[in-house]
Amino acid sequence: RKEGPEGHYVVDVTFPAAGGWAWRIAPEPFGPTDLGTLTVLPA
């Protein structure tokens, strides 16, 4: 969702399981930006 100055966005994310996750953000009409991998710890 749009929040703050021009170009700034905020997203609420809930990972359902622990483990490694490859994540990316796609700002259409541009291509996605890969953010690498993230390790999610157990609940």
PDB file of all heavy atoms in Angstrom:
ATOM      1  N   ARG A   1       0.859  -1.189   0.000  1.00  0.00           N
ATOM      2  CA  ARG A   1       0.000   0.000   0.000  1.00  0.00           C
ATOM      3  C   ARG A   1       0.892   1.236   0.000  1.00  0.00           C
ATOM      4  O   ARG A   1       2.004   1.206   0.514  1.00  0.00           O
ATOM      5  CB  ARG A   1      -0.953  -0.019   1.196  1.00  0.00           C
ATOM      6  CG  ARG A   1      -0.251   0.057   2.541  1.00  0.00           C
ATOM      7  CD  ARG A   1      -1.227  -0.104   3.718  1.00  0.00           C
ATOM      8  NE  ARG A   1      -0.541  -0.102   4.986  1.00  0.00           N
ATOM      9  CZ  ARG A   1       0.050  -1.148   5.542  1.00  0.00           C
ATOM     10  NH1 ARG A   1       0.057  -2.309   4.913  1.00  0.00           N
ATOM     11  NH2 ARG A   1       0.654  -1.048   6.708  1.00  0.00           N
ATOM     12  N   LYS A   2       0.391   2.300  -0.542  1.00  0.00           N
ATOM     13  CA  LYS A   2       1.125   3.566  -0.602  1.00  0.00           C
ATOM     14  C   LYS A   2       1.162   4.174   0.781  1.00  0.00           C
ATOM     15  O   LYS A   2       0.143   4.253   1.464  1.00  0.00           O
ATOM     16  CB  LYS A   2       0.436   4.504  -1.587  1.00  0.00           C
ATOM     17  CG  LYS A   2       1.011   5.895  -1.635  1.00  0.00           C
ATOM     18  CD  LYS A   2       2.265   5.912  -2.461  1.00  0.00           C
ATOM     19  CE  LYS A   2       2.838   7.301  -2.533  1.00  0.00           C
ATOM     20  NZ  LYS A   2       3.983   7.496  -1.679  1.00  0.00           N
ATOM     21  N   GLU A   3       2.355   4.604   1.222  1.00  0.00           N
ATOM     22  CA  GLU A   3       2.491   5.253   2.522  1.00  0.00           C
ATOM     23  C   GLU A   3       3.738   6.125   2.510  1.00  0.00           C
ATOM     24  O   GLU A   3       4.819   5.657   2.186  1.00  0.00           O
ATOM     25  CB  GLU A   3       2.593   4.202   3.632  1.00  0.00           C
ATOM     26  CG  GLU A   3       2.554   4.798   5.036  1.00  0.00           C
ATOM     27  CD  GLU A   3       2.552   3.721   6.107  1.00  0.00           C
ATOM     28  OE1 GLU A   3       1.501   3.085   6.291  1.00  0.00           O
ATOM     29  OE2 GLU A   3       3.599   3.519   6.743  1.00  0.00           O
ATOM     30  N   GLY A   4       3.567   7.373   2.864  1.00  0.00           N
ATOM     31  CA  GLY A   4       4.727   8.261   2.950  1.00  0.00           C
ATOM     32  C   GLY A   4       5.002   9.005   1.656  1.00  0.00           C
ATOM     33  O   GLY A   4       4.100   9.234   0.842  1.00  0.00           O
ATOM     34  N   PRO A   5       6.273   9.379   1.437  1.00  0.00           N
ATOM     35  CA  PRO A   5       6.625  10.215   0.286  1.00  0.00           C
ATOM     36  C   PRO A   5       6.471   9.462  -1.038  1.00  0.00           C
ATOM     37  O   PRO A   5       6.224   8.257  -1.056  1.00  0.00           O
ATOM     38  CB  PRO A   5       8.101  10.566   0.546  1.00  0.00           C
ATOM     39  CG  PRO A   5       8.608   9.460   1.400  1.00  0.00           C
ATOM     40  CD  PRO A   5       7.432   9.034   2.250  1.00  0.00           C
ATOM     41  N   GLU A   6       6.645  10.175  -2.105  1.00  0.00           N
ATOM     42  CA  GLU A   6       6.531   9.587  -3.433  1.00  0.00           C
ATOM     43  C   GLU A   6       7.467   8.386  -3.558  1.00  0.00           C
ATOM     44  O   GLU A   6       8.620   8.433  -3.147  1.00  0.00           O
ATOM     45  CB  GLU A   6       6.879  10.619  -4.513  1.00  0.00           C
ATOM     46  CG  GLU A   6       6.687  10.088  -5.916  1.00  0.00           C
ATOM     47  CD  GLU A   6       6.850  11.152  -6.984  1.00  0.00           C
ATOM     48  OE1 GLU A   6       7.245  12.288  -6.661  1.00  0.00           O
ATOM     49  OE2 GLU A   6       6.586  10.834  -8.153  1.00  0.00           O
ATOM     50  N   GLY A   7       6.931   7.299  -4.091  1.00  0.00           N
ATOM     51  CA  GLY A   7       7.722   6.096  -4.311  1.00  0.00           C
ATOM     52  C   GLY A   7       7.820   5.166  -3.121  1.00  0.00           C
ATOM     53  O   GLY A   7       8.419   4.102  -3.221  1.00  0.00           O
ATOM     54  N   HIS A   8       7.247   5.553  -1.984  1.00  0.00           N
ATOM     55  CA  HIS A   8       7.365   4.719  -0.781  1.00  0.00           C
ATOM     56  C   HIS A   8       6.103   3.883  -0.574  1.00  0.00           C
ATOM     57  O   HIS A   8       4.986   4.390  -0.670  1.00  0.00           O
ATOM     58  CB  HIS A   8       7.607   5.578   0.459  1.00  0.00           C
ATOM     59  CG  HIS A   8       7.977   4.759   1.659  1.00  0.00           C
ATOM     60  ND1 HIS A   8       7.062   4.372   2.602  1.00  0.00           N
ATOM     61  CD2 HIS A   8       9.168   4.225   2.032  1.00  0.00           C
ATOM     62  CE1 HIS A   8       7.678   3.644   3.523  1.00  0.00           C
ATOM     63  NE2 HIS A   8       8.950   3.540   3.202  1.00  0.00           N
ATOM     64  N   TYR A   9       6.315   2.596  -0.279  1.00  0.00           N
ATOM     65  CA  TYR A   9       5.225   1.655  -0.070  1.00  0.00           C
ATOM     66  C   TYR A   9       5.499   0.836   1.191  1.00  0.00           C
ATOM     67  O   TYR A   9       6.635   0.741   1.652  1.00  0.00           O
ATOM     68  CB  TYR A   9       5.084   0.704  -1.263  1.00  0.00           C
ATOM     69  CG  TYR A   9       4.639   1.414  -2.514  1.00  0.00           C
ATOM     70  CD1 TYR A   9       5.560   1.994  -3.379  1.00  0.00           C
ATOM     71  CD2 TYR A   9       3.289   1.528  -2.823  1.00  0.00           C
ATOM     72  CE1 TYR A   9       5.158   2.665  -4.524  1.00  0.00           C
ATOM     73  CE2 TYR A   9       2.878   2.197  -3.963  1.00  0.00           C
ATOM     74  CZ  TYR A   9       3.812   2.762  -4.812  1.00  0.00           C
ATOM     75  OH  TYR A   9       3.398   3.425  -5.933  1.00  0.00           O
ATOM     76  N   VAL A  10       4.439   0.227   1.716  1.00  0.00           N
ATOM     77  CA  VAL A  10       4.529  -0.629   2.902  1.00  0.00           C
ATOM     78  C   VAL A  10       3.733  -1.890   2.606  1.00  0.00           C
ATOM     79  O   VAL A  10       2.675  -1.842   1.982  1.00  0.00           O
ATOM     80  CB  VAL A  10       3.954   0.091   4.144  1.00  0.00           C
ATOM     81  CG1 VAL A  10       3.899  -0.832   5.334  1.00  0.00           C
ATOM     82  CG2 VAL A  10       4.786   1.315   4.475  1.00  0.00           C
ATOM     83  N   VAL A  11       4.262  -3.033   3.070  1.00  0.00           N
ATOM     84  CA  VAL A  11       3.570  -4.306   2.876  1.00  0.00           C
ATOM     85  C   VAL A  11       3.645  -5.116   4.164  1.00  0.00           C
ATOM     86  O   VAL A  11       4.665  -5.112   4.843  1.00  0.00           O
ATOM     87  CB  VAL A  11       4.167  -5.096   1.678  1.00  0.00           C
ATOM     88  CG1 VAL A  11       5.623  -5.463   1.908  1.00  0.00           C
ATOM     89  CG2 VAL A  11       3.341  -6.322   1.351  1.00  0.00           C
ATOM     90  N   ASP A  12       2.522  -5.759   4.509  1.00  0.00           N
ATOM     91  CA  ASP A  12       2.455  -6.647   5.676  1.00  0.00           C
ATOM     92  C   ASP A  12       2.594  -8.076   5.170  1.00  0.00           C
ATOM     93  O   ASP A  12       1.811  -8.519   4.331  1.00  0.00           O
ATOM     94  CB  ASP A  12       1.123  -6.477   6.416  1.00  0.00           C
ATOM     95  CG  ASP A  12       0.953  -5.070   6.952  1.00  0.00           C
ATOM     96  OD1 ASP A  12       1.933  -4.518   7.464  1.00  0.00           O
ATOM     97  OD2 ASP A  12      -0.174  -4.530   6.858  1.00  0.00           O
ATOM     98  N   VAL A  13       3.597  -8.788   5.705  1.00  0.00           N
ATOM     99  CA  VAL A  13       3.919 -10.138   5.227  1.00  0.00           C
ATOM    100  C   VAL A  13       3.856 -11.125   6.389  1.00  0.00           C
ATOM    101  O   VAL A  13       4.382 -10.844   7.466  1.00  0.00           O
ATOM    102  CB  VAL A  13       5.335 -10.165   4.618  1.00  0.00           C
ATOM    103  CG1 VAL A  13       5.673 -11.540   4.085  1.00  0.00           C
ATOM    104  CG2 VAL A  13       5.477  -9.109   3.543  1.00  0.00           C
ATOM    105  N   THR A  14       3.223 -12.274   6.146  1.00  0.00           N
ATOM    106  CA  THR A  14       3.194 -13.354   7.128  1.00  0.00           C
ATOM    107  C   THR A  14       3.661 -14.628   6.433  1.00  0.00           C
ATOM    108  O   THR A  14       2.992 -15.115   5.519  1.00  0.00           O
ATOM    109  CB  THR A  14       1.779 -13.563   7.690  1.00  0.00           C
ATOM    110  OG1 THR A  14       1.310 -12.326   8.221  1.00  0.00           O
ATOM    111  CG2 THR A  14       1.774 -14.614   8.780  1.00  0.00           C
ATOM    112  N   PHE A  15       4.810 -15.139   6.849  1.00  0.00           N
ATOM    113  CA  PHE A  15       5.327 -16.384   6.289  1.00  0.00           C
ATOM    114  C   PHE A  15       4.680 -17.549   7.042  1.00  0.00           C
ATOM    115  O   PHE A  15       4.759 -17.612   8.267  1.00  0.00           O
ATOM    116  CB  PHE A  15       6.847 -16.439   6.407  1.00  0.00           C
ATOM    117  CG  PHE A  15       7.537 -15.442   5.521  1.00  0.00           C
ATOM    118  CD1 PHE A  15       7.842 -14.174   5.986  1.00  0.00           C
ATOM    119  CD2 PHE A  15       7.870 -15.776   4.218  1.00  0.00           C
ATOM    120  CE1 PHE A  15       8.463 -13.247   5.170  1.00  0.00           C
ATOM    121  CE2 PHE A  15       8.494 -14.853   3.395  1.00  0.00           C
ATOM    122  CZ  PHE A  15       8.791 -13.585   3.866  1.00  0.00           C
ATOM    123  N   PRO A  16       4.046 -18.485   6.336  1.00  0.00           N
ATOM    124  CA  PRO A  16       3.311 -19.550   7.014  1.00  0.00           C
ATOM    125  C   PRO A  16       4.183 -20.657   7.611  1.00  0.00           C
ATOM    126  O   PRO A  16       3.709 -21.407   8.456  1.00  0.00           O
ATOM    127  CB  PRO A  16       2.419 -20.115   5.910  1.00  0.00           C
ATOM    128  CG  PRO A  16       3.148 -19.813   4.645  1.00  0.00           C
ATOM    129  CD  PRO A  16       3.874 -18.525   4.896  1.00  0.00           C
ATOM    130  N   ALA A  17       5.440 -20.748   7.165  1.00  0.00           N
ATOM    131  CA  ALA A  17       6.278 -21.848   7.649  1.00  0.00           C
ATOM    132  C   ALA A  17       7.723 -21.389   7.775  1.00  0.00           C
ATOM    133  O   ALA A  17       8.156 -20.452   7.096  1.00  0.00           O
ATOM    134  CB  ALA A  17       6.197 -23.031   6.688  1.00  0.00           C
ATOM    135  N   ALA A  18       8.449 -22.067   8.651  1.00  0.00           N
ATOM    136  CA  ALA A  18       9.874 -21.787   8.820  1.00  0.00           C
ATOM    137  C   ALA A  18      10.638 -22.341   7.619  1.00  0.00           C
ATOM    138  O   ALA A  18      10.142 -23.199   6.893  1.00  0.00           O
ATOM    139  CB  ALA A  18      10.379 -22.420  10.112  1.00  0.00           C
ATOM    140  N   GLY A  19      11.850 -21.826   7.430  1.00  0.00           N
ATOM    141  CA  GLY A  19      12.698 -22.323   6.347  1.00  0.00           C
ATOM    142  C   GLY A  19      13.220 -21.186   5.498  1.00  0.00           C
ATOM    143  O   GLY A  19      13.063 -20.012   5.821  1.00  0.00           O
ATOM    144  N   GLY A  20      13.851 -21.552   4.397  1.00  0.00           N
ATOM    145  CA  GLY A  20      14.380 -20.560   3.463  1.00  0.00           C
ATOM    146  C   GLY A  20      13.329 -20.133   2.461  1.00  0.00           C
ATOM    147  O   GLY A  20      12.589 -20.960   1.922  1.00  0.00           O
ATOM    148  N   TRP A  21      13.261 -18.839   2.207  1.00  0.00           N
ATOM    149  CA  TRP A  21      12.297 -18.276   1.260  1.00  0.00           C
ATOM    150  C   TRP A  21      13.032 -17.355   0.297  1.00  0.00           C
ATOM    151  O   TRP A  21      13.794 -16.485   0.723  1.00  0.00           O
ATOM    152  CB  TRP A  21      11.216 -17.473   1.987  1.00  0.00           C
ATOM    153  CG  TRP A  21      10.280 -18.302   2.810  1.00  0.00           C
ATOM    154  CD1 TRP A  21      10.509 -18.818   4.058  1.00  0.00           C
ATOM    155  CD2 TRP A  21       8.971 -18.719   2.445  1.00  0.00           C
ATOM    156  NE1 TRP A  21       9.424 -19.523   4.492  1.00  0.00           N
ATOM    157  CE2 TRP A  21       8.458 -19.480   3.529  1.00  0.00           C
ATOM    158  CE3 TRP A  21       8.180 -18.530   1.323  1.00  0.00           C
ATOM    159  CZ2 TRP A  21       7.185 -20.050   3.500  1.00  0.00           C
ATOM    160  CZ3 TRP A  21       6.905 -19.083   1.317  1.00  0.00           C
ATOM    161  CH2 TRP A  21       6.427 -19.838   2.382  1.00  0.00           C
ATOM    162  N   ALA A  22      12.812 -17.534  -1.000  1.00  0.00           N
ATOM    163  CA  ALA A  22      13.305 -16.598  -2.012  1.00  0.00           C
ATOM    164  C   ALA A  22      12.215 -15.556  -2.180  1.00  0.00           C
ATOM    165  O   ALA A  22      11.055 -15.895  -2.394  1.00  0.00           O
ATOM    166  CB  ALA A  22      13.571 -17.324  -3.327  1.00  0.00           C
ATOM    167  N   TRP A  23      12.581 -14.278  -2.073  1.00  0.00           N
ATOM    168  CA  TRP A  23      11.545 -13.254  -2.137  1.00  0.00           C
ATOM    169  C   TRP A  23      11.915 -12.161  -3.106  1.00  0.00           C
ATOM    170  O   TRP A  23      13.085 -11.909  -3.405  1.00  0.00           O
ATOM    171  CB  TRP A  23      11.190 -12.736  -0.761  1.00  0.00           C
ATOM    172  CG  TRP A  23      12.322 -12.168   0.074  1.00  0.00           C
ATOM    173  CD1 TRP A  23      13.634 -12.532   0.085  1.00  0.00           C
ATOM    174  CD2 TRP A  23      12.213 -11.134   1.041  1.00  0.00           C
ATOM    175  NE1 TRP A  23      14.335 -11.805   0.989  1.00  0.00           N
ATOM    176  CE2 TRP A  23      13.497 -10.932   1.601  1.00  0.00           C
ATOM    177  CE3 TRP A  23      11.178 -10.358   1.506  1.00  0.00           C
ATOM    178  CZ2 TRP A  23      13.752  -9.983   2.582  1.00  0.00           C
ATOM    179  CZ3 TRP A  23      11.429  -9.424   2.488  1.00  0.00           C
ATOM    180  CH2 TRP A  23      12.699  -9.242   3.013  1.00  0.00           C
ATOM    181  N   ARG A  24      10.875 -11.487  -3.594  1.00  0.00           N
ATOM    182  CA  ARG A  24      11.047 -10.428  -4.587  1.00  0.00           C
ATOM    183  C   ARG A  24       9.872  -9.466  -4.508  1.00  0.00           C
ATOM    184  O   ARG A  24       8.811  -9.805  -4.006  1.00  0.00           O
ATOM    185  CB  ARG A  24      11.169 -11.032  -5.974  1.00  0.00           C
ATOM    186  CG  ARG A  24       9.910 -11.739  -6.409  1.00  0.00           C
ATOM    187  CD  ARG A  24      10.012 -12.666  -7.597  1.00  0.00           C
ATOM    188  NE  ARG A  24      10.746 -12.136  -8.703  1.00  0.00           N
ATOM    189  CZ  ARG A  24      10.960 -12.789  -9.828  1.00  0.00           C
ATOM    190  NH1 ARG A  24      10.474 -13.998  -9.988  1.00  0.00           N
ATOM    191  NH2 ARG A  24      11.631 -12.251 -10.796  1.00  0.00           N
ATOM    192  N   ILE A  25      10.097  -8.255  -5.030  1.00  0.00           N
ATOM    193  CA  ILE A  25       9.024  -7.258  -5.106  1.00  0.00           C
ATOM    194  C   ILE A  25       8.900  -6.838  -6.559  1.00  0.00           C
ATOM    195  O   ILE A  25       9.898  -6.484  -7.201  1.00  0.00           O
ATOM    196  CB  ILE A  25       9.304  -6.040  -4.207  1.00  0.00           C
ATOM    197  CG1 ILE A  25       9.325  -6.469  -2.737  1.00  0.00           C
ATOM    198  CG2 ILE A  25       8.253  -4.947  -4.441  1.00  0.00           C
ATOM    199  CD1 ILE A  25       9.624  -5.363  -1.747  1.00  0.00           C
ATOM    200  N   ALA A  26       7.676  -6.879  -7.073  1.00  0.00           N
ATOM    201  CA  ALA A  26       7.402  -6.518  -8.462  1.00  0.00           C
ATOM    202  C   ALA A  26       6.574  -5.238  -8.505  1.00  0.00           C
ATOM    203  O   ALA A  26       5.388  -5.257  -8.191  1.00  0.00           O
ATOM    204  CB  ALA A  26       6.667  -7.647  -9.174  1.00  0.00           C
ATOM    205  N   PRO A  27       7.205  -4.110  -8.881  1.00  0.00           N
ATOM    206  CA  PRO A  27       6.453  -2.863  -9.041  1.00  0.00           C
ATOM    207  C   PRO A  27       6.046  -2.683 -10.507  1.00  0.00           C
ATOM    208  O   PRO A  27       6.814  -2.162 -11.316  1.00  0.00           O
ATOM    209  CB  PRO A  27       7.468  -1.802  -8.605  1.00  0.00           C
ATOM    210  CG  PRO A  27       8.799  -2.395  -8.980  1.00  0.00           C
ATOM    211  CD  PRO A  27       8.646  -3.889  -8.903  1.00  0.00           C
ATOM    212  N   GLU A  28       4.858  -3.168 -10.865  1.00  0.00           N
ATOM    213  CA  GLU A  28       4.399  -3.055 -12.259  1.00  0.00           C
ATOM    214  C   GLU A  28       4.351  -1.591 -12.674  1.00  0.00           C
ATOM    215  O   GLU A  28       4.012  -0.746 -11.858  1.00  0.00           O
ATOM    216  CB  GLU A  28       3.022  -3.705 -12.410  1.00  0.00           C
ATOM    217  CG  GLU A  28       3.029  -5.185 -12.152  1.00  0.00           C
ATOM    218  CD  GLU A  28       3.883  -5.984 -13.128  1.00  0.00           C
ATOM    219  OE1 GLU A  28       4.063  -5.529 -14.283  1.00  0.00           O
ATOM    220  OE2 GLU A  28       4.380  -7.038 -12.749  1.00  0.00           O
ATOM    221  N   PRO A  29       4.692  -1.231 -13.866  1.00  0.00           N
ATOM    222  CA  PRO A  29       4.967  -2.051 -15.045  1.00  0.00           C
ATOM    223  C   PRO A  29       6.425  -2.484 -15.164  1.00  0.00           C
ATOM    224  O   PRO A  29       6.831  -3.005 -16.194  1.00  0.00           O
ATOM    225  CB  PRO A  29       4.594  -1.125 -16.197  1.00  0.00           C
ATOM    226  CG  PRO A  29       4.979   0.227 -15.701  1.00  0.00           C
ATOM    227  CD  PRO A  29       4.684   0.190 -14.218  1.00  0.00           C
ATOM    228  N   PHE A  30       7.214  -2.267 -14.139  1.00  0.00           N
ATOM    229  CA  PHE A  30       8.620  -2.643 -14.190  1.00  0.00           C
ATOM    230  C   PHE A  30       8.782  -4.095 -13.780  1.00  0.00           C
ATOM    231  O   PHE A  30       7.904  -4.685 -13.169  1.00  0.00           O
ATOM    232  CB  PHE A  30       9.443  -1.747 -13.256  1.00  0.00           C
ATOM    233  CG  PHE A  30       9.249  -0.281 -13.539  1.00  0.00           C
ATOM    234  CD1 PHE A  30       8.495   0.508 -12.698  1.00  0.00           C
ATOM    235  CD2 PHE A  30       9.816   0.310 -14.660  1.00  0.00           C
ATOM    236  CE1 PHE A  30       8.303   1.850 -12.949  1.00  0.00           C
ATOM    237  CE2 PHE A  30       9.624   1.651 -14.924  1.00  0.00           C
ATOM    238  CZ  PHE A  30       8.876   2.426 -14.072  1.00  0.00           C
ATOM    239  N   GLY A  31       9.926  -4.648 -14.060  1.00  0.00           N
ATOM    240  CA  GLY A  31      10.193  -6.027 -13.679  1.00  0.00           C
ATOM    241  C   GLY A  31      10.465  -6.142 -12.191  1.00  0.00           C
ATOM    242  O   GLY A  31      10.688  -5.149 -11.496  1.00  0.00           O
ATOM    243  N   PRO A  32      10.455  -7.368 -11.681  1.00  0.00           N
ATOM    244  CA  PRO A  32      10.662  -7.575 -10.245  1.00  0.00           C
ATOM    245  C   PRO A  32      12.110  -7.336  -9.825  1.00  0.00           C
ATOM    246  O   PRO A  32      13.025  -7.471 -10.619  1.00  0.00           O
ATOM    247  CB  PRO A  32      10.272  -9.038 -10.041  1.00  0.00           C
ATOM    248  CG  PRO A  32      10.506  -9.678 -11.368  1.00  0.00           C
ATOM    249  CD  PRO A  32      10.219  -8.622 -12.397  1.00  0.00           C
ATOM    250  N   THR A  33      12.268  -6.991  -8.560  1.00  0.00           N
ATOM    251  CA  THR A  33      13.592  -6.883  -7.942  1.00  0.00           C
ATOM    252  C   THR A  33      13.724  -8.056  -6.991  1.00  0.00           C
ATOM    253  O   THR A  33      12.939  -8.196  -6.049  1.00  0.00           O
ATOM    254  CB  THR A  33      13.735  -5.556  -7.166  1.00  0.00           C
ATOM    255  OG1 THR A  33      13.618  -4.464  -8.075  1.00  0.00           O
ATOM    256  CG2 THR A  33      15.065  -5.484  -6.446  1.00  0.00           C
ATOM    257  N   ASP A  34      14.702  -8.917  -7.258  1.00  0.00           N
ATOM    258  CA  ASP A  34      14.949 -10.054  -6.368  1.00  0.00           C
ATOM    259  C   ASP A  34      15.632  -9.559  -5.107  1.00  0.00           C
ATOM    260  O   ASP A  34      16.594  -8.793  -5.168  1.00  0.00           O
ATOM    261  CB  ASP A  34      15.819 -11.100  -7.066  1.00  0.00           C
ATOM    262  CG  ASP A  34      15.066 -11.837  -8.159  1.00  0.00           C
ATOM    263  OD1 ASP A  34      13.864 -12.093  -7.969  1.00  0.00           O
ATOM    264  OD2 ASP A  34      15.675 -12.152  -9.201  1.00  0.00           O
ATOM    265  N   LEU A  35      15.148 -10.020  -3.958  1.00  0.00           N
ATOM    266  CA  LEU A  35      15.703  -9.608  -2.669  1.00  0.00           C
ATOM    267  C   LEU A  35      16.565 -10.697  -2.049  1.00  0.00           C
ATOM    268  O   LEU A  35      16.980 -10.567  -0.901  1.00  0.00           O
ATOM    269  CB  LEU A  35      14.567  -9.222  -1.713  1.00  0.00           C
ATOM    270  CG  LEU A  35      13.682  -8.073  -2.194  1.00  0.00           C
ATOM    271  CD1 LEU A  35      12.496  -7.894  -1.258  1.00  0.00           C
ATOM    272  CD2 LEU A  35      14.473  -6.794  -2.314  1.00  0.00           C
ATOM    273  N   GLY A  36      16.810 -11.781  -2.785  1.00  0.00           N
ATOM    274  CA  GLY A  36      17.649 -12.859  -2.278  1.00  0.00           C
ATOM    275  C   GLY A  36      16.826 -13.864  -1.502  1.00  0.00           C
ATOM    276  O   GLY A  36      15.658 -14.095  -1.790  1.00  0.00           O
ATOM    277  N   THR A  37      17.460 -14.472  -0.492  1.00  0.00           N
ATOM    278  CA  THR A  37      16.749 -15.452   0.328  1.00  0.00           C
ATOM    279  C   THR A  37      16.660 -14.949   1.759  1.00  0.00           C
ATOM    280  O   THR A  37      17.513 -14.208   2.231  1.00  0.00           O
ATOM    281  CB  THR A  37      17.448 -16.827   0.310  1.00  0.00           C
ATOM    282  OG1 THR A  37      18.779 -16.661   0.758  1.00  0.00           O
ATOM    283  CG2 THR A  37      17.428 -17.429  -1.070  1.00  0.00           C
ATOM    284  N   LEU A  38      15.624 -15.377   2.423  1.00  0.00           N
ATOM    285  CA  LEU A  38      15.354 -14.985   3.797  1.00  0.00           C
ATOM    286  C   LEU A  38      15.122 -16.247   4.607  1.00  0.00           C
ATOM    287  O   LEU A  38      14.396 -17.139   4.171  1.00  0.00           O
ATOM    288  CB  LEU A  38      14.102 -14.100   3.842  1.00  0.00           C
ATOM    289  CG  LEU A  38      13.598 -13.674   5.206  1.00  0.00           C
ATOM    290  CD1 LEU A  38      14.556 -12.651   5.811  1.00  0.00           C
ATOM    291  CD2 LEU A  38      12.214 -13.068   5.088  1.00  0.00           C
ATOM    292  N   THR A  39      15.745 -16.333   5.772  1.00  0.00           N
ATOM    293  CA  THR A  39      15.527 -17.472   6.653  1.00  0.00           C
ATOM    294  C   THR A  39      14.446 -17.111   7.661  1.00  0.00           C
ATOM    295  O   THR A  39      14.602 -16.173   8.436  1.00  0.00           O
ATOM    296  CB  THR A  39      16.819 -17.866   7.391  1.00  0.00           C
ATOM    297  OG1 THR A  39      17.811 -18.198   6.424  1.00  0.00           O
ATOM    298  CG2 THR A  39      16.580 -19.052   8.308  1.00  0.00           C
ATOM    299  N   VAL A  40      13.355 -17.852   7.614  1.00  0.00           N
ATOM    300  CA  VAL A  40      12.236 -17.651   8.539  1.00  0.00           C
ATOM    301  C   VAL A  40      12.389 -18.661   9.665  1.00  0.00           C
ATOM    302  O   VAL A  40      12.507 -19.863   9.431  1.00  0.00           O
ATOM    303  CB  VAL A  40      10.886 -17.819   7.818  1.00  0.00           C
ATOM    304  CG1 VAL A  40       9.732 -17.696   8.794  1.00  0.00           C
ATOM    305  CG2 VAL A  40      10.762 -16.789   6.698  1.00  0.00           C
ATOM    306  N   LEU A  41      12.404 -18.153  10.889  1.00  0.00           N
ATOM    307  CA  LEU A  41      12.571 -18.994  12.074  1.00  0.00           C
ATOM    308  C   LEU A  41      11.247 -19.649  12.462  1.00  0.00           C
ATOM    309  O   LEU A  41      10.175 -19.146  12.112  1.00  0.00           O
ATOM    310  CB  LEU A  41      13.084 -18.150  13.233  1.00  0.00           C
ATOM    311  CG  LEU A  41      14.424 -17.444  12.979  1.00  0.00           C
ATOM    312  CD1 LEU A  41      14.743 -16.488  14.118  1.00  0.00           C
ATOM    313  CD2 LEU A  41      15.529 -18.455  12.800  1.00  0.00           C
ATOM    314  N   PRO A  42      11.307 -20.759  13.202  1.00  0.00           N
ATOM    315  CA  PRO A  42      10.060 -21.394  13.649  1.00  0.00           C
ATOM    316  C   PRO A  42       9.246 -20.449  14.533  1.00  0.00           C
ATOM    317  O   PRO A  42       9.795 -19.552  15.172  1.00  0.00           O
ATOM    318  CB  PRO A  42      10.537 -22.603  14.458  1.00  0.00           C
ATOM    319  CG  PRO A  42      11.943 -22.841  14.024  1.00  0.00           C
ATOM    320  CD  PRO A  42      12.495 -21.506  13.612  1.00  0.00           C
ATOM    321  N   ALA A  43       7.956 -20.684  14.568  1.00  0.00           N
ATOM    322  CA  ALA A  43       7.061 -19.877  15.403  1.00  0.00           C
ATOM    323  C   ALA A  43       7.440 -20.055  16.868  1.00  0.00           C
ATOM    324  O   ALA A  43       7.908 -21.114  17.276  1.00  0.00           O
ATOM    325  CB  ALA A  43       5.612 -20.289  15.183  1.00  0.00           C
TER     326      ALA A  43
END
